[in-house]
N, C-alpha and C. Protein backbone atom coordinates (compact mmCIF):
# COMPACT_ATOMS: atom_id res chain seq x y z
N MET A 1 0.84 -1.16 0.00
CA MET A 1 0.00 0.00 0.00
C MET A 1 0.90 1.24 0.00
N GLU A 2 0.70 2.11 -0.96
CA GLU A 2 1.52 3.32 -1.07
C GLU A 2 1.00 4.40 -0.13
N PHE A 3 1.95 5.20 0.38
CA PHE A 3 1.62 6.29 1.27
C PHE A 3 2.32 7.54 0.77
N PHE A 4 1.54 8.60 0.58
CA PHE A 4 2.10 9.88 0.13
C PHE A 4 1.62 10.98 1.06
N GLY A 5 2.55 11.53 1.84
CA GLY A 5 2.26 12.65 2.70
C GLY A 5 3.00 13.88 2.22
N GLU A 6 2.85 14.97 2.92
CA GLU A 6 3.57 16.19 2.56
C GLU A 6 5.05 16.11 2.93
N ILE A 7 5.37 15.36 3.99
CA ILE A 7 6.75 15.25 4.46
C ILE A 7 7.37 13.92 4.04
N ILE A 8 6.65 12.82 4.21
CA ILE A 8 7.20 11.51 3.88
C ILE A 8 6.34 10.79 2.85
N ALA A 9 6.99 9.88 2.15
CA ALA A 9 6.29 9.01 1.21
C ALA A 9 6.96 7.65 1.29
N GLY A 10 6.20 6.62 1.01
CA GLY A 10 6.77 5.29 1.05
C GLY A 10 5.73 4.24 0.71
N TYR A 11 6.05 3.03 1.09
CA TYR A 11 5.21 1.89 0.78
C TYR A 11 5.10 1.02 2.03
N PHE A 12 3.86 0.65 2.39
CA PHE A 12 3.66 -0.26 3.51
C PHE A 12 3.56 -1.68 2.98
N ASP A 13 4.49 -2.52 3.41
CA ASP A 13 4.55 -3.92 3.01
C ASP A 13 3.82 -4.75 4.06
N GLN A 14 2.54 -5.07 3.79
CA GLN A 14 1.73 -5.78 4.76
C GLN A 14 2.27 -7.18 5.09
N PRO A 15 2.67 -7.97 4.10
CA PRO A 15 3.17 -9.32 4.45
C PRO A 15 4.37 -9.29 5.40
N ASN A 16 5.25 -8.31 5.24
CA ASN A 16 6.42 -8.21 6.11
C ASN A 16 6.21 -7.26 7.29
N ASN A 17 5.05 -6.61 7.31
CA ASN A 17 4.68 -5.69 8.38
C ASN A 17 5.74 -4.62 8.63
N GLU A 18 6.15 -3.95 7.53
CA GLU A 18 7.14 -2.89 7.65
C GLU A 18 6.84 -1.78 6.64
N PHE A 19 7.30 -0.59 6.99
CA PHE A 19 7.11 0.57 6.14
C PHE A 19 8.43 0.90 5.47
N SER A 20 8.39 0.98 4.16
CA SER A 20 9.57 1.34 3.38
C SER A 20 9.51 2.83 3.11
N LEU A 21 10.32 3.58 3.82
CA LEU A 21 10.39 5.03 3.68
C LEU A 21 11.20 5.35 2.42
N GLN A 22 10.59 6.06 1.47
CA GLN A 22 11.25 6.31 0.19
C GLN A 22 11.55 7.78 -0.07
N LYS A 23 10.90 8.67 0.67
CA LYS A 23 11.12 10.10 0.45
C LYS A 23 10.87 10.85 1.75
N VAL A 24 11.77 11.79 2.05
CA VAL A 24 11.60 12.72 3.16
C VAL A 24 11.75 14.11 2.56
N LYS A 25 10.69 14.89 2.68
CA LYS A 25 10.61 16.18 2.00
C LYS A 25 10.88 15.97 0.51
N HIS A 26 11.92 16.54 0.00
CA HIS A 26 12.21 16.42 -1.43
C HIS A 26 13.35 15.45 -1.72
N LEU A 27 13.82 14.74 -0.70
CA LEU A 27 14.98 13.87 -0.86
C LEU A 27 14.59 12.40 -0.90
N ASP A 28 15.18 11.67 -1.83
CA ASP A 28 14.96 10.23 -1.93
C ASP A 28 15.79 9.51 -0.87
N THR A 29 15.22 8.47 -0.32
CA THR A 29 15.92 7.65 0.66
C THR A 29 15.36 6.24 0.57
N GLU A 30 15.92 5.32 1.30
CA GLU A 30 15.40 3.96 1.35
C GLU A 30 15.71 3.39 2.73
N SER A 31 14.68 3.33 3.54
CA SER A 31 14.81 2.78 4.89
C SER A 31 13.57 1.94 5.18
N ARG A 32 13.79 0.82 5.82
CA ARG A 32 12.68 -0.03 6.23
C ARG A 32 12.49 0.13 7.73
N LEU A 33 11.25 0.44 8.11
CA LEU A 33 10.93 0.70 9.51
C LEU A 33 9.88 -0.27 10.00
N ASN A 34 10.16 -0.92 11.13
CA ASN A 34 9.14 -1.79 11.72
C ASN A 34 8.23 -0.94 12.60
N GLU A 35 7.23 -1.57 13.17
CA GLU A 35 6.23 -0.84 13.96
C GLU A 35 6.86 -0.14 15.16
N GLU A 36 7.79 -0.79 15.82
CA GLU A 36 8.44 -0.18 16.99
C GLU A 36 9.25 1.05 16.59
N GLN A 37 9.95 1.00 15.48
CA GLN A 37 10.76 2.13 15.04
C GLN A 37 9.88 3.33 14.68
N VAL A 38 8.79 3.09 13.99
CA VAL A 38 7.86 4.17 13.65
C VAL A 38 7.27 4.76 14.93
N GLY A 39 6.90 3.88 15.87
CA GLY A 39 6.35 4.33 17.14
C GLY A 39 7.35 5.15 17.95
N ASN A 40 8.60 4.72 17.96
CA ASN A 40 9.63 5.47 18.69
C ASN A 40 9.85 6.85 18.09
N LEU A 41 9.88 6.92 16.76
CA LEU A 41 10.05 8.21 16.09
C LEU A 41 8.86 9.12 16.39
N TYR A 42 7.66 8.57 16.31
CA TYR A 42 6.45 9.32 16.61
C TYR A 42 6.51 9.88 18.04
N GLU A 43 6.82 9.02 19.00
CA GLU A 43 6.85 9.43 20.41
C GLU A 43 7.90 10.51 20.64
N TYR A 44 9.08 10.36 20.07
CA TYR A 44 10.13 11.36 20.24
C TYR A 44 9.69 12.72 19.70
N LEU A 45 9.17 12.71 18.48
CA LEU A 45 8.74 13.98 17.88
C LEU A 45 7.58 14.60 18.64
N ASP A 46 6.66 13.75 19.10
CA ASP A 46 5.52 14.26 19.85
C ASP A 46 5.97 14.90 21.17
N GLN A 47 6.95 14.33 21.82
CA GLN A 47 7.46 14.87 23.08
C GLN A 47 8.23 16.17 22.87
N HIS A 48 8.78 16.38 21.67
CA HIS A 48 9.59 17.57 21.40
C HIS A 48 8.94 18.53 20.39
N LYS A 49 7.66 18.38 20.16
CA LYS A 49 6.99 19.17 19.14
C LYS A 49 6.86 20.65 19.48
N ASP A 50 7.03 21.01 20.73
CA ASP A 50 6.88 22.41 21.12
C ASP A 50 8.17 23.21 20.99
N GLN A 51 9.23 22.58 20.54
CA GLN A 51 10.48 23.32 20.33
C GLN A 51 10.32 24.18 19.08
N SER A 52 10.43 25.48 19.27
CA SER A 52 10.13 26.42 18.18
C SER A 52 11.13 26.37 17.04
N ASP A 53 12.33 25.87 17.31
CA ASP A 53 13.34 25.85 16.25
C ASP A 53 13.31 24.57 15.42
N GLY A 54 12.37 23.67 15.68
CA GLY A 54 12.23 22.45 14.90
C GLY A 54 13.21 21.38 15.32
N GLN A 55 13.49 20.46 14.41
CA GLN A 55 14.38 19.33 14.65
C GLN A 55 15.26 19.12 13.43
N VAL A 56 16.39 18.48 13.65
CA VAL A 56 17.25 18.07 12.56
C VAL A 56 17.27 16.55 12.53
N ILE A 57 16.98 15.98 11.38
CA ILE A 57 17.07 14.53 11.21
C ILE A 57 18.17 14.24 10.21
N THR A 58 18.66 13.02 10.24
CA THR A 58 19.72 12.66 9.29
C THR A 58 19.23 11.55 8.37
N LEU A 59 19.68 11.62 7.15
CA LEU A 59 19.45 10.56 6.18
C LEU A 59 20.80 9.96 5.85
N TYR A 60 20.84 8.66 5.80
CA TYR A 60 22.09 7.94 5.51
C TYR A 60 23.18 8.26 6.53
N ASP A 61 22.80 8.63 7.74
CA ASP A 61 23.74 8.96 8.83
C ASP A 61 24.73 10.05 8.46
N GLN A 62 24.43 10.84 7.46
CA GLN A 62 25.37 11.90 7.09
C GLN A 62 24.72 13.15 6.52
N LEU A 63 23.54 13.07 5.97
CA LEU A 63 22.87 14.22 5.37
C LEU A 63 21.87 14.78 6.37
N MET A 64 22.16 15.97 6.90
CA MET A 64 21.27 16.58 7.89
C MET A 64 20.16 17.36 7.19
N LEU A 65 18.96 17.20 7.71
CA LEU A 65 17.78 17.81 7.12
C LEU A 65 16.98 18.49 8.24
N HIS A 66 16.81 19.81 8.13
CA HIS A 66 16.07 20.55 9.14
C HIS A 66 14.58 20.48 8.85
N LEU A 67 13.81 20.21 9.90
CA LEU A 67 12.35 20.24 9.82
C LEU A 67 11.87 21.35 10.73
N SER A 68 11.08 22.26 10.17
CA SER A 68 10.54 23.36 10.96
C SER A 68 9.50 22.85 11.95
N HIS A 69 9.09 23.72 12.84
CA HIS A 69 8.05 23.39 13.82
C HIS A 69 6.79 22.89 13.11
N GLU A 70 6.38 23.57 12.06
CA GLU A 70 5.19 23.17 11.30
C GLU A 70 5.40 21.82 10.61
N GLU A 71 6.59 21.60 10.07
CA GLU A 71 6.87 20.32 9.40
C GLU A 71 6.89 19.17 10.40
N ILE A 72 7.37 19.44 11.60
CA ILE A 72 7.36 18.41 12.65
C ILE A 72 5.93 18.01 12.97
N ASN A 73 5.04 18.98 13.12
CA ASN A 73 3.64 18.68 13.40
C ASN A 73 3.01 17.89 12.26
N GLN A 74 3.33 18.24 11.02
CA GLN A 74 2.82 17.50 9.87
C GLN A 74 3.37 16.07 9.86
N LEU A 75 4.65 15.92 10.16
CA LEU A 75 5.26 14.60 10.20
C LEU A 75 4.64 13.73 11.28
N ILE A 76 4.33 14.31 12.42
CA ILE A 76 3.66 13.56 13.49
C ILE A 76 2.33 13.02 12.99
N GLU A 77 1.56 13.84 12.29
CA GLU A 77 0.28 13.39 11.73
C GLU A 77 0.48 12.25 10.74
N GLU A 78 1.49 12.39 9.89
CA GLU A 78 1.75 11.36 8.89
C GLU A 78 2.22 10.06 9.53
N LEU A 79 3.07 10.16 10.54
CA LEU A 79 3.52 8.95 11.24
C LEU A 79 2.36 8.27 11.94
N ASP A 80 1.41 9.04 12.44
CA ASP A 80 0.22 8.44 13.05
C ASP A 80 -0.57 7.65 12.02
N GLU A 81 -0.65 8.17 10.80
CA GLU A 81 -1.32 7.44 9.72
C GLU A 81 -0.56 6.15 9.38
N VAL A 82 0.76 6.22 9.35
CA VAL A 82 1.57 5.03 9.07
C VAL A 82 1.39 4.01 10.20
N ARG A 83 1.37 4.49 11.44
CA ARG A 83 1.17 3.57 12.58
C ARG A 83 -0.14 2.81 12.44
N ALA A 84 -1.16 3.45 11.92
CA ALA A 84 -2.46 2.79 11.74
C ALA A 84 -2.37 1.66 10.72
N LEU A 85 -1.45 1.76 9.77
CA LEU A 85 -1.31 0.71 8.75
C LEU A 85 -0.85 -0.61 9.36
N TYR A 86 -0.13 -0.57 10.47
CA TYR A 86 0.32 -1.80 11.12
C TYR A 86 -0.83 -2.56 11.74
N ARG A 87 -1.95 -1.90 11.94
CA ARG A 87 -3.10 -2.53 12.60
C ARG A 87 -4.16 -3.03 11.63
N ILE A 88 -3.91 -2.85 10.34
CA ILE A 88 -4.91 -3.28 9.33
C ILE A 88 -4.88 -4.78 9.19
């Protein structure tokens, strides 16, 4: 099942119960996330969503990508949608 959000895009692989993250903002990536990893990311961002300067995430452990406060809130919503896919 394909997922297209404003911040992330990817594919949910139901047989393997994992989300293949393929795009963050405008950058291509390839990461497979299990339910616990998506949940941990969601919880971390939700706990730090009130930081006005946003967050910095890394892709490929080397490319830093800044997410604004608004983008963090959007990403939290999108991760919540992805989390729901694990329960289908």
